[in-house]
C-alpha cells in the first residue's frame, strides 16, 4: 500500500507585490493555515515518509511549517523544479522515481496542475484544491513504479476554514495566539535541549501542545480581565 498526499501551498502574499512569482512569501493567514493543517495531521497520526516541495518560496514555507508540526526534519525536505507549474506527467515521474521503502509521500505544489493531478490519480476526487487544501490518496501497490493513475482511493480531504467571514478580532486573536505559542515552544525547547537533546526529540509533540494550551489560556484570561 502506498499513500500520496497532495498539498497546495498556503495563502501567499498578493500578486501585486513587485517581485518574481517564485519569490512570493506566505501571508500571515497562510502561515496559520499551514501550521493548523500540520497539527491536524499530527493529531491523526499521519506523517509522510518523504516530503517534496516546489522551489517557490511560498511552497517551501508551507512545507517547512507543516513539517515542524508533524515532526518531519526540515533538512530532509526535498525540492523538485517540476512541482513549480509543470504538467501532471512530471508529477507522476516524481512518484515513479521514489524508493520502494517509502510508504507515503507528500507533494507541495500549485494549482491548476496539482488539482488536475489529484483528479488524474483518483476518479472520486473532483475538487479544486483551495490554498492549503490537502488530499490523501491510497494505492494498492507494493512499489511506486506500480502506481497507476485512476486507481487511487480517496482517504482524506482537508480544506482550511475560510477566515474572511470571521470578525477581524477573531483573525487577530489567532495570529497573536500562534505567535505567542511559537515563542513559548521555542523557550521550552531551548531549556530542555540544554539538559538532554535526545530526550527532547521524544517529547517534542507534547511541547507543542503545551505551548498551544498556555497561549490560549493566557489570552482567555486577558479577555476576561478586560471585560471586568
Protein backbone atom coordinates (compact mmCIF):
# COMPACT_ATOMS: atom_id res chain seq x y z
CA UNK A 1 0.00 0.00 0.00
CA UNK A 2 1.26 3.48 -0.95
CA UNK A 3 -0.21 6.83 0.10
CA UNK A 4 0.10 10.10 -1.81
CA UNK A 5 -0.56 13.43 -0.06
CA UNK A 6 -1.07 16.39 -2.40
CA UNK A 7 -0.88 19.77 -0.65
CA UNK A 8 -1.41 23.11 -2.33
CA UNK A 9 0.73 25.84 -0.78
CA UNK A 10 -0.94 28.05 1.84
CA UNK A 11 -2.18 31.60 1.19
CA UNK A 12 0.61 33.68 -0.32
CA UNK A 13 1.18 37.42 -0.37
CA UNK A 14 -0.58 39.45 -3.05
CA UNK A 15 0.41 39.06 -6.69
CA UNK A 16 0.68 42.85 -6.79
CA UNK A 17 4.00 42.79 -4.89
CA UNK A 18 6.94 43.85 -7.01
CA UNK A 19 8.88 40.60 -7.03
CA UNK A 20 9.04 37.46 -9.21
CA UNK A 21 6.22 34.97 -8.60
CA UNK A 22 8.63 32.31 -7.35
CA UNK A 23 9.80 34.66 -4.56
CA UNK A 24 6.36 35.45 -3.11
CA UNK A 25 6.18 34.51 0.59
CA UNK A 26 3.24 33.38 2.72
CA UNK A 27 0.74 35.85 4.13
CA UNK A 28 0.11 35.71 7.89
CA UNK A 29 -3.10 33.83 7.19
CA UNK A 30 -1.11 31.32 5.13
CA UNK A 31 1.30 30.65 7.98
CA UNK A 32 -1.63 29.95 10.31
CA UNK A 33 -3.20 27.64 7.70
CA UNK A 34 -0.04 25.58 7.23
CA UNK A 35 0.56 25.15 10.96
CA UNK A 36 -3.09 24.33 11.62
CA UNK A 37 -3.09 21.64 8.93
CA UNK A 38 0.14 20.20 10.33
CA UNK A 39 -1.38 19.95 13.80
CA UNK A 40 -4.48 18.31 12.35
CA UNK A 41 -2.47 15.56 10.64
CA UNK A 42 -0.26 15.14 13.71
CA UNK A 43 -3.40 14.52 15.78
CA UNK A 44 -4.47 11.90 13.24
CA UNK A 45 -1.05 10.27 13.45
CA UNK A 46 -0.33 10.92 9.76
CA UNK A 47 3.18 11.77 8.63
CA UNK A 48 4.63 11.36 5.11
CA UNK A 49 7.73 9.22 4.68
CA UNK A 50 9.16 11.81 2.33
CA UNK A 51 8.17 15.43 1.70
CA UNK A 52 8.86 17.08 -1.66
CA UNK A 53 8.13 20.73 -2.46
CA UNK A 54 8.12 23.16 -5.33
CA UNK A 55 11.09 25.59 -5.22
CA UNK A 56 8.70 28.57 -4.90
CA UNK A 57 9.26 30.34 -1.56
CA UNK A 58 5.58 30.14 -0.53
CA UNK A 59 5.58 26.39 -1.18
CA UNK A 60 8.83 25.86 0.73
CA UNK A 61 7.48 27.87 3.67
CA UNK A 62 4.29 25.80 3.66
CA UNK A 63 6.31 22.58 3.64
CA UNK A 64 8.58 23.75 6.48
CA UNK A 65 5.71 24.90 8.72
CA UNK A 66 3.81 21.68 8.09
CA UNK A 67 6.91 19.55 8.70
CA UNK A 68 7.56 21.16 12.07
CA UNK A 69 4.08 20.27 13.30
CA UNK A 70 4.26 16.58 12.30
CA UNK A 71 7.85 16.07 13.43
CA UNK A 72 9.43 15.80 9.98
CA UNK A 73 13.04 17.02 9.73
CA UNK A 74 13.25 20.30 7.78
CA UNK A 75 16.65 19.27 6.37
CA UNK A 76 15.06 16.19 4.81
CA UNK A 77 12.57 18.19 2.71
CA UNK A 78 13.35 17.76 -0.98
CA UNK A 79 12.80 20.23 -3.82
CA UNK A 80 11.75 19.45 -7.39
CA UNK A 81 11.54 22.08 -10.11
CA UNK A 82 8.82 20.01 -11.81
CA UNK A 83 6.40 20.92 -8.99
CA UNK A 84 6.52 24.58 -10.00
CA UNK A 85 3.71 24.83 -12.56
CA UNK A 86 4.79 21.94 -14.78
CA UNK A 87 2.39 19.37 -16.27
CA UNK A 88 0.87 16.47 -14.35
CA UNK A 89 3.08 13.96 -16.21
CA UNK A 90 6.09 15.44 -14.43
CA UNK A 91 4.38 14.83 -11.07
CA UNK A 92 3.83 11.20 -12.00
CA UNK A 93 7.52 10.86 -12.91
CA UNK A 94 8.40 12.03 -9.38
CA UNK A 95 6.22 9.33 -7.82
CA UNK A 96 7.52 6.59 -10.09
CA UNK A 97 11.08 7.54 -9.19
CA UNK A 98 10.66 7.16 -5.43
CA UNK A 99 12.47 4.50 -3.43
CA UNK A 100 10.26 1.46 -2.76
CA UNK A 101 10.83 1.58 1.01
CA UNK A 102 8.84 4.82 1.31
CA UNK A 103 5.25 4.12 2.27
CA UNK A 104 3.95 7.63 1.65
CA UNK A 105 4.91 10.89 0.00
CA UNK A 106 3.68 14.48 0.19
CA UNK A 107 3.98 16.79 -2.81
CA UNK A 108 3.62 20.51 -2.10
CA UNK A 109 2.75 22.42 -5.26
CA UNK A 110 0.46 24.80 -7.09
CA UNK A 111 -2.82 24.99 -8.94
CA UNK A 112 -4.03 24.26 -11.52
CA UNK A 113 -1.68 21.27 -12.15
CA UNK A 114 -1.86 19.89 -8.57
CA UNK A 115 -5.66 19.62 -8.57
CA UNK A 116 -5.59 18.20 -12.10
CA UNK A 117 -3.08 15.60 -10.92
CA UNK A 118 -5.32 14.65 -7.98
CA UNK A 119 -8.24 14.07 -10.38
CA UNK A 120 -5.98 12.06 -12.66
CA UNK A 121 -4.97 9.77 -9.80
CA UNK A 122 -8.43 9.36 -8.27
CA UNK A 123 -11.74 9.34 -10.19
CA UNK A 124 -13.64 10.03 -6.94
CA UNK A 125 -11.90 13.39 -6.46
CA UNK A 126 -13.47 16.26 -8.40
CA UNK A 127 -12.47 19.35 -6.42
CA UNK A 128 -10.14 22.29 -6.99
CA UNK A 129 -7.76 22.45 -4.05
CA UNK A 130 -8.01 25.69 -2.10
CA UNK A 131 -4.83 27.24 -0.72
CA UNK A 132 -3.52 24.79 1.91
CA UNK A 133 -6.05 22.22 0.71
CA UNK A 134 -4.90 18.63 1.11
CA UNK A 135 -5.98 15.36 -0.46
CA UNK A 136 -4.65 11.93 0.57
CA UNK A 137 -4.94 9.03 -1.88
CA UNK A 138 -4.21 5.34 -1.28
CA UNK A 139 -2.93 2.90 -3.89
CA UNK A 140 -2.91 -0.88 -3.65
CA UNK A 141 0.64 -1.40 -4.92
CA UNK A 142 3.97 -2.51 -3.45
CA UNK A 143 6.26 -0.23 -5.46
CA UNK A 144 5.96 3.33 -6.69
CA UNK A 145 6.58 2.22 -10.24
CA UNK A 146 3.42 0.12 -9.89
CA UNK A 147 1.28 3.16 -9.09
CA UNK A 148 -1.35 3.56 -11.82
CA UNK A 149 -3.32 6.80 -12.41
CA UNK A 150 -7.04 6.34 -11.87
CA UNK A 151 -6.56 3.61 -9.25
CA UNK A 152 -6.28 5.89 -6.23
CA UNK A 153 -8.79 5.68 -3.38
CA UNK A 154 -9.75 8.86 -1.53
CA UNK A 155 -8.51 8.60 2.05
CA UNK A 156 -8.70 12.19 3.28
CA UNK A 157 -9.69 15.63 2.03
CA UNK A 158 -8.89 18.65 4.18
CA UNK A 159 -9.88 22.17 3.25
CA UNK A 160 -8.91 25.12 5.52
CA UNK A 161 -11.69 27.06 7.16
CA UNK A 162 -12.39 30.34 5.45
CA UNK A 163 -11.33 33.19 7.73
CA UNK A 164 -12.67 36.08 5.68
CA UNK A 165 -16.15 35.59 7.14
CA UNK A 166 -14.88 35.85 10.71
CA UNK A 167 -14.71 39.16 12.60
CA UNK A 168 -11.30 40.90 12.41
CA UNK A 169 -10.76 40.45 16.15
CA UNK A 170 -11.06 36.67 15.73
CA UNK A 171 -8.45 36.62 12.98
CA UNK A 172 -6.14 38.91 15.00
CA UNK A 173 -6.54 36.64 18.05
CA UNK A 174 -5.42 33.62 16.00
CA UNK A 175 -2.32 35.41 14.77
CA UNK A 176 -1.39 36.65 18.26
CA UNK A 177 -2.08 33.22 19.77
CA UNK A 178 0.12 31.49 17.18
CA UNK A 179 2.97 33.97 17.68
CA UNK A 180 2.78 33.54 21.47
CA UNK A 181 2.62 29.75 21.13
CA UNK A 182 5.75 29.72 18.96
CA UNK A 183 7.65 31.85 21.47
CA UNK A 184 6.64 29.60 24.38
CA UNK A 185 7.59 26.45 22.49
CA UNK A 186 10.94 27.93 21.47
CA UNK A 187 11.78 28.82 25.09
CA UNK A 188 10.80 25.34 26.29
CA UNK A 189 12.88 23.71 23.55
CA UNK A 190 15.94 25.81 24.46
CA UNK A 191 15.52 24.96 28.14
CA UNK A 192 15.12 21.21 27.64
CA UNK A 193 17.77 20.95 24.92
CA UNK A 194 20.32 22.13 27.47
CA UNK A 195 19.51 19.10 29.62
CA UNK A 196 19.15 16.29 27.08
CA UNK A 197 18.74 16.82 23.32
CA UNK A 198 17.93 13.15 22.70
CA UNK A 199 15.11 13.11 25.25
CA UNK A 200 13.78 16.36 23.77
CA UNK A 201 13.00 14.65 20.46
CA UNK A 202 10.69 12.19 22.23
CA UNK A 203 8.58 14.91 23.87
CA UNK A 204 8.60 17.50 21.06
CA UNK A 205 4.93 16.95 20.16
CA UNK A 206 3.91 17.31 23.81
CA UNK A 207 5.83 20.59 23.98
CA UNK A 208 3.83 21.92 21.04
CA UNK A 209 0.54 21.01 22.69
CA UNK A 210 1.67 22.58 25.97
CA UNK A 211 2.66 25.83 24.27
CA UNK A 212 -0.70 25.97 22.48
CA UNK A 213 -2.66 25.41 25.71
CA UNK A 214 -0.69 28.03 27.65
CA UNK A 215 -1.06 30.64 24.89
CA UNK A 216 -4.80 30.00 24.60
CA UNK A 217 -5.45 30.14 28.35
CA UNK A 218 -3.29 33.24 28.73
CA UNK A 219 -5.24 35.14 26.06
CA UNK A 220 -8.52 33.92 27.55
CA UNK A 221 -7.51 35.45 30.90
CA UNK A 222 -6.57 38.72 29.21
CA UNK A 223 -10.03 38.80 27.62
CA UNK A 224 -11.71 38.09 30.95
CA UNK A 225 -9.76 40.87 32.68
CA UNK A 226 -10.74 43.40 30.02
CA UNK A 227 -14.43 42.58 30.50
CA UNK A 228 -14.27 43.30 34.25
